[in-house]
């Protein structure tokens, strides 16, 4: 069971990394973007494969900037051998539709005594398979500022739990502070 600790803030870097992870974990399964954690360097990165794959890939750091040539070459070579012996590059798993629904239901059951509560539940039930959380769109207007803020904190804490459990299963130390 998730417990949100009152007053326990997260650093800007943690929030940034958790937001990046939330995006990575909720992107459509059929996307040409793949997200990874490099435990050797303690950093997240993204691989984008062109629609017409010719062997070339694009590598971006967590900020969306292309990697410098030196880093690109190192990661490219390690990715090429990913199936052999390297265990320091881990692909970030994507949440399935059922997991997205469950996370949003938990939030609605706990925090939403809102006048649109029923509409939110219906939208969550109809969560599209290839989209991020439907609540991101539904509660982002100015009328719902307080609820939106609570949703963002809740979502990042849930993503932290998923990421830490995933890392622990793989025996990897996940650094969200850098």
Foldseek 3Di string as FASTA:
>chain_A
DDDDDPPDDDDPLLLLLLVLLLCQQAAFPPAQKWKKAQLVVLFIKIWGADPPHDPDIFIAGSVRHTDPPVVCVVVSVCVVCVVPDDPRIGIRHHDFLVRLLVLQVVLLVPPNPDPCSVVLNVCSVVPDGRGRRPVQVVQPDPVNVVSNVVSSSSSSSVSVVVVVVVCVVSVGDRDSND
